[in-house]
Structures are given as C-alpha cells and as structure tokens.
Amino acid sequence: MVCPTSKASFSFQDCQECRRTDGTTFWFTPLVSDAGAKHLLETLPNPRFDDPDPQATLLKKARQRLVTKIKADGVGGTSAVIKIFPLRNPISRLRHRKYAYTEFINYSKAQARGIPTPKVYAFWENRKFGLVNGSGVLIEFLEGYKNILEISQETDIDYQQAALVAIPAICAMYETGAFNADGRDENIYIANNGASPEQFSIIDWQYAGFSVPRSDWLLEHLVAYFIRKAPEQDQGGLRNVWTEKVRQAANHPASADEFQSRIDRLLKRPPSTNQRIAITPLE
C-alpha cells in the first residue's frame, strides 16, 4: 500500500492518491480522513469484477455497471453508494475515461456551479498491462431523501403532482448551466422524504455538459427529456400543463407557444445523449 502526500494531476489536485497491490489506484477527496482512506483502501472492491459484496445492498446491475449500497465506516459510519464499471470490452477499456472518471469530474463541476449533489468520497481504477479494466466512484447515500418516481408512487399523490416537486431542481440546472443529460425522475431526490422541494439533490452525472448559465436551449432539453422518461400515460399531462409551469418558474424568455413548439420538436425527434451534451461548447 502506497499513499503519497504529493498532489495528483490537476483534475485530482485536492485528492489523496493511494495504490493497492492488486493494481488498483484510489483518489480520496478531502472529505475522507487518513484513517478513513486506509480503511476504504482495504475494503472497497476491485472494479474489474461485477460480483456484488454479499453484505452490500444491490441497487442496480446492468452491462458494465454495478451499483450497491454499503455501510461506509471510512466516511463516518454513514451509508454510501458504490458505482463500479467493469470494463470487459476492449473499446470500453480504451475509452475508460467516459465512465467513473467522467462521473467523478462532473460531480465536482456541478458542485462548483452550486448544484446540490451527494458528497463524493473517492474515485478508483484497476489497471493491467496499462489498460483500465474497471473503475468506480464512492458517493454519499442520500438518507431521508426520495426521488420523484418514488414520490409519485405514494398513495396520496400522482405523477403530475410529483413532477411539480422537480421544478426547482430543473430550474437550478438551467440557471447554472449544469446540464445533467439524465435529469429524469429517478435522479432528482427531494429531502425530508419528498416534503421539501427546495432541498434537492441530483445524482448520476456520468453524462453531463456545462454551458453558459440560462442558455435558451438548455431548459427545453431538460424539460423534453424529463417528459420522455416519464411513464407513458403521464407524458401528455406533463406536456400540456407542467411544461408551462416550468417555463414560468424559470422566467424563460420564449413565449408559451414558442417554448411548447420547441418541446414538441424535441419529443418528436429526440437527439442522442452525445448530441445533447455537445449542443453548446464547454466554457
């Protein structure tokens, strides 16, 4: 185990870099103490494997992605979320930075713009023969929060009402130019189990872009994507009512008719994730 005190590259200049004998290198943010870093170095999984820890709670498993909840003693005993990307495809290994590395960087950029997100504790990657076989990020588990989809499934509220709770988060991304390209109901969390809309946190920043605040195009893309990822039976109601509420809350310069027309065009011919991220150049 090696934990040098020197700074890493400029993207990780505030992190503590540590290496493990299995070829895994860790970067711990200043939120993690030296003792916490030592504990996590010993316990965090090798990201080249997608077998979940039997003591962890499985949250999501997909191709080249595993998300689990653990009790993270290294960050004060609170729960944390591990998101790892085992990279078996040779192309994925060559493009390894688009996975956990990019998510780690984008969390930092979103926070710098004032967007509430979970705390980020670590990024790590495993290499063999110079190639990255897997990478991971460790973030805070949002205790006491519910996402918009969970709120909509409560007995006394429907999806249209739950979507109203998401408006402050969507407006915040528009105001700051922080574009979460997966800003859907499952990724917008509300404090006090959904009772405090102004206290939100946005997760999943792997795909994101950062542009000039209040760029006209940004709000329409955020709104159209949220509608497109909503339950099919609720999309019409969102288009007819919710869209205008978002426009008014954001004080968007387009008229109601013009804004609706833009949304309709995006719903009919949705751009790809890469197209949406690249619409406006990064400043």
Protein backbone atom coordinates (compact mmCIF):
# COMPACT_ATOMS: atom_id res chain seq x y z
CA MET A 1 0.00 0.00 0.00
CA VAL A 2 1.37 3.39 -1.01
CA CYS A 3 -0.26 6.70 -0.04
CA PRO A 4 1.96 9.57 -1.22
CA THR A 5 1.21 13.06 0.03
CA SER A 6 2.00 14.70 -3.32
CA LYS A 7 -0.81 16.04 -5.48
CA ALA A 8 -2.23 14.07 -8.39
CA SER A 9 -2.98 15.57 -11.82
CA PHE A 10 -4.78 18.92 -12.00
CA SER A 11 -8.18 17.20 -12.09
CA PHE A 12 -7.40 15.48 -8.80
CA GLN A 13 -5.26 18.16 -7.18
CA ASP A 14 -7.16 18.09 -3.89
CA CYS A 15 -7.23 14.30 -3.61
CA GLN A 16 -5.06 11.84 -1.76
CA GLU A 17 -3.72 9.16 -4.10
CA CYS A 18 -3.24 5.62 -2.82
CA ARG A 19 -2.25 2.38 -4.58
CA ARG A 20 -3.14 -1.21 -3.74
CA THR A 21 -1.14 -4.30 -4.63
CA ASP A 22 -3.87 -5.68 -6.93
CA GLY A 23 -3.23 -2.90 -9.46
CA THR A 24 -5.96 -0.57 -8.16
CA THR A 25 -5.28 3.14 -7.60
CA PHE A 26 -7.55 5.29 -5.44
CA TRP A 27 -8.09 9.05 -5.22
CA PHE A 28 -9.78 10.10 -1.97
CA THR A 29 -11.37 13.55 -1.69
CA PRO A 30 -10.70 15.82 1.29
CA LEU A 31 -13.94 14.54 2.87
CA VAL A 32 -12.11 11.30 3.72
CA SER A 33 -9.67 11.29 6.63
CA ASP A 34 -6.35 9.46 6.53
CA ALA A 35 -7.80 6.72 8.73
CA GLY A 36 -10.88 6.54 6.51
CA ALA A 37 -8.74 6.28 3.39
CA LYS A 38 -6.79 3.41 4.91
CA HIS A 39 -9.99 1.54 5.78
CA LEU A 40 -11.57 2.11 2.36
CA LEU A 41 -8.35 1.10 0.63
CA GLU A 42 -8.66 -2.27 2.32
CA THR A 43 -12.39 -2.79 1.80
CA LEU A 44 -13.52 -1.23 -1.49
CA PRO A 45 -13.92 -3.81 -4.27
CA ASN A 46 -11.73 -4.30 -7.29
CA PRO A 47 -13.79 -2.61 -10.03
CA ARG A 48 -12.83 -5.15 -12.68
CA PHE A 49 -15.32 -7.62 -11.13
CA ASP A 50 -19.11 -7.22 -11.08
CA ASP A 51 -19.91 -9.65 -8.27
CA PRO A 52 -21.66 -7.63 -5.53
CA ASP A 53 -20.48 -7.90 -1.95
CA PRO A 54 -22.94 -10.21 -0.14
CA GLN A 55 -23.05 -7.71 2.71
CA ALA A 56 -23.99 -4.86 0.36
CA THR A 57 -27.48 -3.96 -0.87
CA LEU A 58 -27.80 -4.31 -4.63
CA LEU A 59 -29.37 -1.18 -6.13
CA LYS A 60 -28.81 -1.72 -9.86
CA LYS A 61 -26.96 -4.12 -12.12
CA ALA A 62 -26.57 -3.72 -15.87
CA ARG A 63 -23.99 -4.34 -18.55
CA GLN A 64 -20.69 -2.85 -17.38
CA ARG A 65 -22.36 -1.25 -14.35
CA LEU A 66 -22.96 -2.30 -10.76
CA VAL A 67 -24.46 -0.05 -8.06
CA THR A 68 -24.60 -1.13 -4.41
CA LYS A 69 -25.23 0.45 -1.03
CA ILE A 70 -22.73 -0.21 1.75
CA LYS A 71 -22.11 0.86 5.31
CA ALA A 72 -19.04 3.02 4.75
CA ASP A 73 -17.14 3.05 8.02
CA GLY A 74 -14.40 5.01 6.32
CA VAL A 75 -16.68 8.04 5.92
CA GLY A 76 -18.05 8.31 9.43
CA GLY A 77 -20.12 5.15 9.55
CA THR A 78 -22.79 6.53 7.23
CA SER A 79 -24.13 4.62 4.25
CA ALA A 80 -22.57 5.19 0.86
CA VAL A 81 -23.15 4.13 -2.71
CA ILE A 82 -20.55 2.27 -4.77
CA LYS A 83 -20.87 2.60 -8.54
CA ILE A 84 -18.40 0.47 -10.47
CA PHE A 85 -17.87 -0.08 -14.17
CA PRO A 86 -16.22 -3.43 -15.00
CA LEU A 87 -14.79 -2.91 -18.49
CA ARG A 88 -14.50 -6.17 -20.43
CA ASN A 89 -14.90 -4.73 -23.91
CA PRO A 90 -11.55 -3.64 -25.43
CA ILE A 91 -13.16 -0.48 -26.84
CA SER A 92 -14.52 0.39 -23.39
CA ARG A 93 -11.05 -0.03 -21.92
CA LEU A 94 -9.62 2.39 -24.44
CA ARG A 95 -12.40 4.86 -23.68
CA HIS A 96 -12.27 4.26 -19.94
CA ARG A 97 -12.48 7.94 -19.03
CA LYS A 98 -16.15 8.14 -20.11
CA TYR A 99 -17.17 6.00 -17.13
CA ALA A 100 -16.35 6.58 -13.45
CA TYR A 101 -13.64 9.12 -14.24
CA THR A 102 -16.06 11.42 -16.07
CA GLU A 103 -18.72 10.99 -13.40
CA PHE A 104 -16.22 11.90 -10.68
CA ILE A 105 -15.14 15.03 -12.56
CA ASN A 106 -18.71 16.05 -13.41
CA TYR A 107 -19.84 15.80 -9.79
CA SER A 108 -17.10 18.28 -8.91
CA LYS A 109 -18.10 20.62 -11.75
CA ALA A 110 -21.78 20.51 -10.77
CA GLN A 111 -20.93 21.29 -7.15
CA ALA A 112 -18.71 24.17 -8.26
CA ARG A 113 -21.75 25.66 -10.01
CA GLY A 114 -23.82 25.42 -6.85
CA ILE A 115 -25.87 22.34 -7.76
CA PRO A 116 -26.67 20.17 -4.71
CA THR A 117 -25.37 16.64 -5.24
CA PRO A 118 -24.38 13.79 -2.95
CA LYS A 119 -20.97 14.08 -1.36
CA VAL A 120 -18.24 12.37 -3.37
CA TYR A 121 -15.64 10.40 -1.45
CA ALA A 122 -13.46 8.55 -3.93
CA PHE A 123 -12.62 7.50 -7.47
CA TRP A 124 -10.60 4.39 -8.23
CA GLU A 125 -9.47 2.32 -11.21
CA ASN A 126 -7.79 -1.00 -11.82
CA ARG A 127 -5.13 -1.41 -14.48
CA LYS A 128 -3.40 -4.42 -16.00
CA PHE A 129 -0.75 -4.13 -18.71
CA GLY A 130 -1.54 -0.41 -18.85
CA LEU A 131 -5.22 -0.87 -19.68
CA VAL A 132 -8.05 0.10 -17.33
CA ASN A 133 -10.12 -3.00 -16.52
CA GLY A 134 -12.65 -1.20 -14.34
CA SER A 135 -13.32 1.98 -12.39
CA GLY A 136 -15.58 3.17 -9.61
CA VAL A 137 -16.88 6.11 -7.61
CA LEU A 138 -17.96 6.23 -3.97
CA ILE A 139 -20.68 8.76 -3.14
CA GLU A 140 -22.96 9.61 -0.25
CA PHE A 141 -26.20 7.69 0.19
CA LEU A 142 -28.99 10.26 0.48
CA GLU A 143 -30.60 9.22 3.74
CA GLY A 144 -34.09 10.68 4.19
CA TYR A 145 -34.49 11.59 0.51
CA LYS A 146 -36.90 10.24 -2.09
CA ASN A 147 -36.68 10.60 -5.82
CA ILE A 148 -39.54 11.92 -7.95
CA LEU A 149 -40.60 8.47 -9.12
CA GLU A 150 -40.77 7.20 -5.54
CA ILE A 151 -42.82 10.24 -4.51
CA SER A 152 -45.27 9.59 -7.36
CA GLN A 153 -45.87 6.06 -6.09
CA GLU A 154 -47.21 7.21 -2.73
CA THR A 155 -50.91 6.68 -2.16
CA ASP A 156 -51.90 10.34 -1.79
CA ILE A 157 -50.03 11.81 -4.79
CA ASP A 158 -49.98 11.19 -8.54
CA TYR A 159 -47.18 11.63 -11.08
CA GLN A 160 -48.34 15.08 -12.19
CA GLN A 161 -48.13 16.35 -8.62
CA ALA A 162 -44.78 14.68 -8.05
CA ALA A 163 -43.38 16.31 -11.20
CA LEU A 164 -44.13 19.74 -9.73
CA VAL A 165 -41.68 18.95 -6.94
CA ALA A 166 -38.91 18.53 -9.54
CA ILE A 167 -39.26 22.07 -10.91
CA PRO A 168 -36.76 23.78 -8.52
CA ALA A 169 -34.07 21.23 -9.45
CA ILE A 170 -34.68 21.64 -13.19
CA CYS A 171 -34.65 25.43 -12.88
CA ALA A 172 -31.37 25.26 -10.91
CA MET A 173 -29.67 23.37 -13.73
CA TYR A 174 -30.93 25.96 -16.21
CA GLU A 175 -29.81 28.87 -14.02
CA THR A 176 -26.29 27.49 -13.56
CA GLY A 177 -25.71 25.89 -16.97
CA ALA A 178 -25.10 22.49 -15.38
CA PHE A 179 -26.75 20.06 -17.78
CA ASN A 180 -27.34 16.58 -16.36
CA ALA A 181 -28.17 14.69 -19.55
CA ASP A 182 -30.03 12.06 -17.50
CA GLY A 183 -32.06 14.53 -15.43
CA ARG A 184 -35.06 12.25 -15.06
CA ASP A 185 -37.44 11.39 -12.22
CA GLU A 186 -35.17 8.68 -10.80
CA ASN A 187 -32.20 11.04 -10.49
CA ILE A 188 -33.80 14.03 -8.75
CA TYR A 189 -34.02 13.50 -4.99
CA ILE A 190 -36.01 15.58 -2.51
CA ALA A 191 -35.21 15.97 1.20
CA ASN A 192 -37.50 15.07 4.11
CA ASN A 193 -38.80 12.08 2.16
CA GLY A 194 -40.05 14.35 -0.60
CA ALA A 195 -41.59 17.06 1.56
CA SER A 196 -39.02 19.82 0.87
CA PRO A 197 -38.82 20.63 -2.88
CA GLU A 198 -36.27 23.41 -2.38
CA GLN A 199 -33.89 20.93 -0.71
CA PHE A 200 -33.00 18.66 -3.60
CA SER A 201 -30.00 16.66 -4.73
CA ILE A 202 -29.26 15.47 -8.25
CA ILE A 203 -27.39 12.21 -8.89
CA ASP A 204 -25.86 10.35 -11.84
CA TRP A 205 -23.55 12.85 -13.56
CA GLN A 206 -21.77 10.46 -15.91
CA TYR A 207 -23.37 12.16 -18.90
CA ALA A 208 -23.34 15.92 -18.44
CA GLY A 209 -22.40 19.18 -20.10
CA PHE A 210 -21.61 22.61 -18.72
CA SER A 211 -22.54 25.76 -20.60
CA VAL A 212 -23.33 29.43 -20.16
CA PRO A 213 -25.99 29.85 -17.42
CA ARG A 214 -29.54 30.33 -18.70
CA SER A 215 -28.71 29.20 -22.23
CA ASP A 216 -32.06 29.21 -24.01
CA TRP A 217 -31.66 25.71 -25.40
CA LEU A 218 -30.91 24.15 -22.01
CA LEU A 219 -34.33 24.40 -20.38
CA GLU A 220 -36.17 22.93 -23.35
CA HIS A 221 -33.82 19.92 -23.39
CA LEU A 222 -34.20 19.37 -19.66
CA VAL A 223 -37.99 19.55 -19.90
CA ALA A 224 -38.29 17.37 -23.02
CA TYR A 225 -36.05 14.68 -21.55
CA PHE A 226 -37.95 14.62 -18.26
CA ILE A 227 -41.23 14.17 -20.16
CA ARG A 228 -39.81 11.47 -22.43
CA LYS A 229 -38.61 9.41 -19.46
CA ALA A 230 -41.87 9.78 -17.51
CA PRO A 231 -44.47 6.97 -17.53
CA GLU A 232 -46.15 6.94 -20.93
CA GLN A 233 -49.61 7.56 -19.51
CA ASP A 234 -48.38 10.78 -17.83
CA GLN A 235 -46.46 12.32 -20.71
CA GLY A 236 -49.48 14.08 -22.20
CA GLY A 237 -50.35 15.78 -18.93
CA LEU A 238 -46.78 16.92 -18.45
CA ARG A 239 -46.67 18.38 -21.94
CA ASN A 240 -49.99 20.22 -21.57
CA VAL A 241 -49.63 21.66 -18.06
CA TRP A 242 -46.29 21.01 -16.41
CA THR A 243 -44.21 22.43 -19.27
CA GLU A 244 -45.73 25.90 -18.83
CA LYS A 245 -45.23 25.81 -15.07
CA VAL A 246 -41.53 25.12 -15.60
CA ARG A 247 -41.23 27.95 -18.16
CA GLN A 248 -42.84 30.40 -15.77
CA ALA A 249 -40.77 29.28 -12.78
CA ALA A 250 -37.56 29.67 -14.81
CA ASN A 251 -38.64 33.01 -16.28
CA HIS A 252 -37.61 31.72 -19.70
CA PRO A 253 -37.57 34.41 -22.42
CA ALA A 254 -39.54 32.40 -25.00
CA SER A 255 -43.30 32.81 -25.19
CA ALA A 256 -45.51 29.95 -24.04
CA ASP A 257 -46.31 28.95 -27.63
CA GLU A 258 -42.71 29.13 -28.79
CA PHE A 259 -41.44 27.15 -25.82
CA GLN A 260 -44.09 24.49 -26.33
CA SER A 261 -43.19 24.26 -30.00
CA ARG A 262 -39.55 23.65 -29.11
CA ILE A 263 -40.52 20.93 -26.65
CA ASP A 264 -42.72 19.23 -29.24
CA ARG A 265 -39.90 19.16 -31.79
CA LEU A 266 -37.57 17.52 -29.27
CA LEU A 267 -40.21 14.97 -28.29
CA LYS A 268 -40.77 14.01 -31.94
CA ARG A 269 -37.09 13.76 -32.86
CA PRO A 270 -35.08 13.29 -29.68
CA PRO A 271 -31.33 13.87 -30.07
CA SER A 272 -28.84 11.36 -28.78
CA THR A 273 -27.10 11.83 -25.44
CA ASN A 274 -23.87 12.92 -27.12
CA GLN A 275 -25.74 15.37 -29.33
CA ARG A 276 -27.44 16.96 -26.33
CA ILE A 277 -24.21 17.28 -24.37
CA ALA A 278 -22.40 18.84 -27.34
CA ILE A 279 -25.08 21.39 -28.26
CA THR A 280 -23.20 24.20 -26.52
CA PRO A 281 -19.40 24.20 -26.12
CA LEU A 282 -17.90 23.90 -22.66
CA GLU A 283 -16.63 27.20 -21.34
